[in-house]
C-alpha atoms as a PDB file:
ATOM      1  CA  SER A   1       0.082  -0.021   0.173  1.00  0.00           C
ATOM      2  CA  ILE A   2       0.919   3.328  -0.384  1.00  0.00           C
ATOM      3  CA  ASN A   3       1.205   4.138   3.362  1.00  0.00           C
ATOM      4  CA  ALA A   4       3.822   1.005   3.739  1.00  0.00           C
ATOM      5  CA  ALA A   5       5.789   2.281   1.129  1.00  0.00           C
ATOM      6  CA  ALA A   6       5.666   6.074   2.615  1.00  0.00           C
ATOM      7  CA  ALA A   7       6.936   4.411   5.567  1.00  0.00           C
ATOM      8  CA  GLY A   8      10.134   3.319   4.136  1.00  0.00           C
ATOM      9  CA  LEU A   9      11.023   6.507   2.667  1.00  0.00           C
ATOM     10  CA  LEU A  10      13.158   9.128   4.475  1.00  0.00           C
ATOM     11  CA  PRO A  11      11.805  12.130   5.884  1.00  0.00           C
ATOM     12  CA  GLY A  12      11.143  14.766   2.633  1.00  0.00           C
ATOM     13  CA  GLN A  13      10.799  12.001   0.170  1.00  0.00           C
ATOM     14  CA  GLN A  14       6.989  11.490   0.880  1.00  0.00           C
ATOM     15  CA  GLU A  15       5.997  14.526  -0.575  1.00  0.00           C
ATOM     16  CA  VAL A  16       6.543  12.400  -4.320  1.00  0.00           C
ATOM     17  CA  LEU A  17       3.811   9.949  -3.879  1.00  0.00           C
ATOM     18  CA  SER A  18       0.804  10.707  -5.642  1.00  0.00           C
ATOM     19  CA  ASP A  19      -2.809   8.713  -6.160  1.00  0.00           C
ATOM     20  CA  ALA A  20      -1.894   8.906  -9.818  1.00  0.00           C
ATOM     21  CA  GLY A  21       0.595   8.065 -12.013  1.00  0.00           C
ATOM     22  CA  PHE A  22       1.418   5.792 -15.330  1.00  0.00           C
ATOM     23  CA  VAL A  23       3.481   2.946 -16.115  1.00  0.00           C
ATOM     24  CA  THR A  24       5.035   2.845 -19.598  1.00  0.00           C
ATOM     25  CA  PHE A  25       5.826  -1.041 -21.004  1.00  0.00           C
ATOM     26  CA  LYS A  26       8.521  -1.696 -23.441  1.00  0.00           C
ATOM     27  CA  HIS A  27       6.453  -3.754 -25.312  1.00  0.00           C
ATOM     28  CA  ARG A  28       2.348  -3.990 -25.880  1.00  0.00           C
ATOM     29  CA  ARG A  29       1.894  -7.825 -24.950  1.00  0.00           C
ATOM     30  CA  HIS A  30       3.606  -7.114 -21.342  1.00  0.00           C
ATOM     31  CA  MET A  31       0.522  -4.228 -21.142  1.00  0.00           C
ATOM     32  CA  GLU A  32      -2.198  -6.513 -22.522  1.00  0.00           C
ATOM     33  CA  ILE A  33      -0.725  -9.247 -19.454  1.00  0.00           C
ATOM     34  CA  CYS A  34      -1.306  -6.781 -16.645  1.00  0.00           C
ATOM     35  CA  GLN A  35      -4.596  -4.747 -17.718  1.00  0.00           C
ATOM     36  CA  PRO A  36      -6.535  -7.495 -16.459  1.00  0.00           C
ATOM     37  CA  LEU A  37      -4.878  -7.640 -13.100  1.00  0.00           C
ATOM     38  CA  ARG A  38      -5.832  -6.894  -9.761  1.00  0.00           C
ATOM     39  CA  LEU A  39      -3.617  -5.288  -7.521  1.00  0.00           C
ATOM     40  CA  THR A  40      -5.386  -4.995  -4.606  1.00  0.00           C
ATOM     41  CA  ALA A  41      -8.522  -6.955  -2.645  1.00  0.00           C
ATOM     42  CA  ASP A  42     -10.306  -4.010  -3.316  1.00  0.00           C
ATOM     43  CA  ASP A  43     -11.341  -3.442  -6.960  1.00  0.00           C
ATOM     44  CA  GLU A  44     -11.601   0.737  -6.051  1.00  0.00           C
ATOM     45  CA  THR A  45      -7.848   1.115  -4.590  1.00  0.00           C
ATOM     46  CA  MET A  46      -5.586   0.910  -7.469  1.00  0.00           C
ATOM     47  CA  LYS A  47      -7.482   0.821 -11.083  1.00  0.00           C
ATOM     48  CA  ILE A  48      -5.390  -0.370 -14.603  1.00  0.00           C
ATOM     49  CA  SER A  49      -6.806   1.149 -17.399  1.00  0.00           C
ATOM     50  CA  PRO A  50      -5.452   2.178 -20.963  1.00  0.00           C
ATOM     51  CA  PRO A  51      -3.784   5.488 -20.943  1.00  0.00           C
ATOM     52  CA  PRO A  52      -5.288   8.858 -22.108  1.00  0.00           C
ATOM     53  CA  ASP A  53      -3.983  10.606 -25.189  1.00  0.00           C
ATOM     54  CA  PRO A  54      -0.496  12.295 -23.727  1.00  0.00           C
ATOM     55  CA  ALA A  55      -2.002  15.405 -25.355  1.00  0.00           C
ATOM     56  CA  ASP A  56      -5.068  15.239 -22.784  1.00  0.00           C
ATOM     57  CA  VAL A  57      -3.107  14.480 -19.479  1.00  0.00           C
ATOM     58  CA  ILE A  58      -2.753  17.814 -17.425  1.00  0.00           C
ATOM     59  CA  TYR A  59       0.758  16.498 -15.449  1.00  0.00           C
ATOM     60  CA  GLU A  60       0.030  19.546 -12.824  1.00  0.00           C
ATOM     61  CA  ASP A  61      -2.689  17.792 -11.384  1.00  0.00           C
ATOM     62  CA  LEU A  62      -0.265  14.667 -10.864  1.00  0.00           C
ATOM     63  CA  TYR A  63       1.553  16.601  -8.248  1.00  0.00           C
ATOM     64  CA  GLN A  64       0.508  15.665  -4.747  1.00  0.00           C
ATOM     65  CA  ASN A  65      -1.657  18.947  -3.343  1.00  0.00           C
ATOM     66  CA  HIS A  66      -0.309  19.923   0.460  1.00  0.00           C
ATOM     67  CA  LEU A  67      -3.409  22.442   0.546  1.00  0.00           C
ATOM     68  CA  GLY A  68      -5.612  19.614  -0.253  1.00  0.00           C
ATOM     69  CA  GLN A  69      -4.972  17.891   2.861  1.00  0.00           C
ATOM     70  CA  TYR A  70      -5.770  20.985   5.079  1.00  0.00           C
ATOM     71  CA  ALA A  71      -8.728  21.718   3.116  1.00  0.00           C
ATOM     72  CA  SER A  72     -10.390  18.533   3.945  1.00  0.00           C
ATOM     73  CA  LEU A  73      -9.251  18.420   7.445  1.00  0.00           C
ATOM     74  CA  PHE A  74     -10.841  22.032   7.462  1.00  0.00           C
ATOM     75  CA  GLY A  75     -14.139  20.434   5.826  1.00  0.00           C
ATOM     76  CA  TYR A  76     -13.811  17.976   8.202  1.00  0.00           C
ATOM     77  CA  GLY A  77     -13.987  20.554  11.048  1.00  0.00           C
ATOM     78  CA  LEU A  78     -16.978  22.350   9.330  1.00  0.00           C
ATOM     79  CA  VAL A  79     -19.066  19.387   9.386  1.00  0.00           C
ATOM     80  CA  VAL A  80     -18.255  18.768  12.961  1.00  0.00           C
ATOM     81  CA  THR A  81     -19.117  22.338  13.921  1.00  0.00           C
ATOM     82  CA  VAL A  82     -22.490  22.251  11.943  1.00  0.00           C
ATOM     83  CA  PHE A  83     -23.417  18.689  13.773  1.00  0.00           C
ATOM     84  CA  LEU A  84     -22.379  19.970  17.373  1.00  0.00           C
ATOM     85  CA  GLY A  85     -23.794  23.981  17.067  1.00  0.00           C
ATOM     86  CA  TYR A  86     -26.933  22.821  15.217  1.00  0.00           C
ATOM     87  CA  LEU A  87     -28.284  20.775  18.122  1.00  0.00           C
ATOM     88  CA  PRO A  88     -27.685  23.897  21.158  1.00  0.00           C
ATOM     89  CA  LEU A  89     -29.082  25.919  18.202  1.00  0.00           C
ATOM     90  CA  VAL A  90     -32.258  24.117  17.958  1.00  0.00           C
ATOM     91  CA  LEU A  91     -32.722  23.577  22.028  1.00  0.00           C
ATOM     92  CA  CYS A  92     -32.591  27.242  22.323  1.00  0.00           C
ATOM     93  CA  LEU A  93     -34.786  28.501  19.548  1.00  0.00           C
ATOM     94  CA  SER A  94     -37.678  25.849  20.541  1.00  0.00           C
ATOM     95  CA  THR A  95     -37.652  27.382  24.245  1.00  0.00           C
ATOM     96  CA  VAL A  96     -37.696  30.610  23.284  1.00  0.00           C
ATOM     97  CA  THR A  97     -40.524  29.943  20.627  1.00  0.00           C
ATOM     98  CA  ASP A  98     -42.701  28.135  22.869  1.00  0.00           C
ATOM     99  CA  VAL A  99     -45.687  30.368  23.388  1.00  0.00           C
ATOM    100  CA  GLU A 100     -46.434  29.494  27.214  1.00  0.00           C
ATOM    101  CA  LYS A 101     -42.926  30.463  28.018  1.00  0.00           C
ATOM    102  CA  LEU A 102     -43.032  33.620  26.063  1.00  0.00           C
ATOM    103  CA  LYS A 103     -46.197  34.662  27.795  1.00  0.00           C
ATOM    104  CA  GLU A 104     -44.706  33.685  31.395  1.00  0.00           C
ATOM    105  CA  LYS A 105     -42.005  36.247  30.382  1.00  0.00           C
ATOM    106  CA  SER A 106     -43.600  38.737  28.607  1.00  0.00           C
ATOM    107  CA  SER A 107     -47.019  40.840  29.637  1.00  0.00           C
ATOM    108  CA  TYR A 108     -47.273  42.142  25.759  1.00  0.00           C
ATOM    109  CA  ILE A 109     -47.263  38.593  24.623  1.00  0.00           C
ATOM    110  CA  ARG A 110     -49.784  37.264  27.158  1.00  0.00           C
ATOM    111  CA  ARG A 111     -52.169  40.007  26.184  1.00  0.00           C
ATOM    112  CA  ILE A 112     -52.059  39.455  22.084  1.00  0.00           C
ATOM    113  CA  ALA A 113     -52.009  35.561  23.100  1.00  0.00           C
ATOM    114  CA  ASP A 114     -55.372  36.506  25.058  1.00  0.00           C
ATOM    115  CA  GLU A 115     -56.677  38.846  22.751  1.00  0.00           C
ATOM    116  CA  ARG A 116     -56.193  36.576  19.669  1.00  0.00           C
ATOM    117  CA  PRO A 117     -56.051  32.666  20.327  1.00  0.00           C
ATOM    118  CA  ASP A 118     -56.104  32.215  16.579  1.00  0.00           C
ATOM    119  CA  LEU A 119     -52.332  33.952  16.399  1.00  0.00           C
ATOM    120  CA  VAL A 120     -51.174  31.338  18.929  1.00  0.00           C
ATOM    121  CA  TYR A 121     -52.835  28.249  17.016  1.00  0.00           C
ATOM    122  CA  VAL A 122     -50.707  29.364  13.978  1.00  0.00           C
ATOM    123  CA  TYR A 123     -47.712  30.194  16.005  1.00  0.00           C
ATOM    124  CA  ASP A 124     -47.563  26.619  17.175  1.00  0.00           C
END
């Protein structure tokens, strides 16, 4: 695996690893032999496919992007923040928007609720 290969590298050499690459063969026969092989138990880990036309390859995209690692970590942090921040927000809003509790805290709300029960029904 890439992690096992990275463990054997010297410090600073790990930045040469990428999740994409090309293997070239001197003979077409060798390519035909290797193409149907399964390299790992999981078919999604490593895929073997015919190469694209060299003019279609964007070589800069094959370089490892260190900012992508931080962006992923930042994204996971935002997801955790949404989940941990959403529940307290909903609980706070539900206590504030309860008509009975609002009537206890405000005489103005109590008066409106007593005069217009239809509004209380719509609000609830």
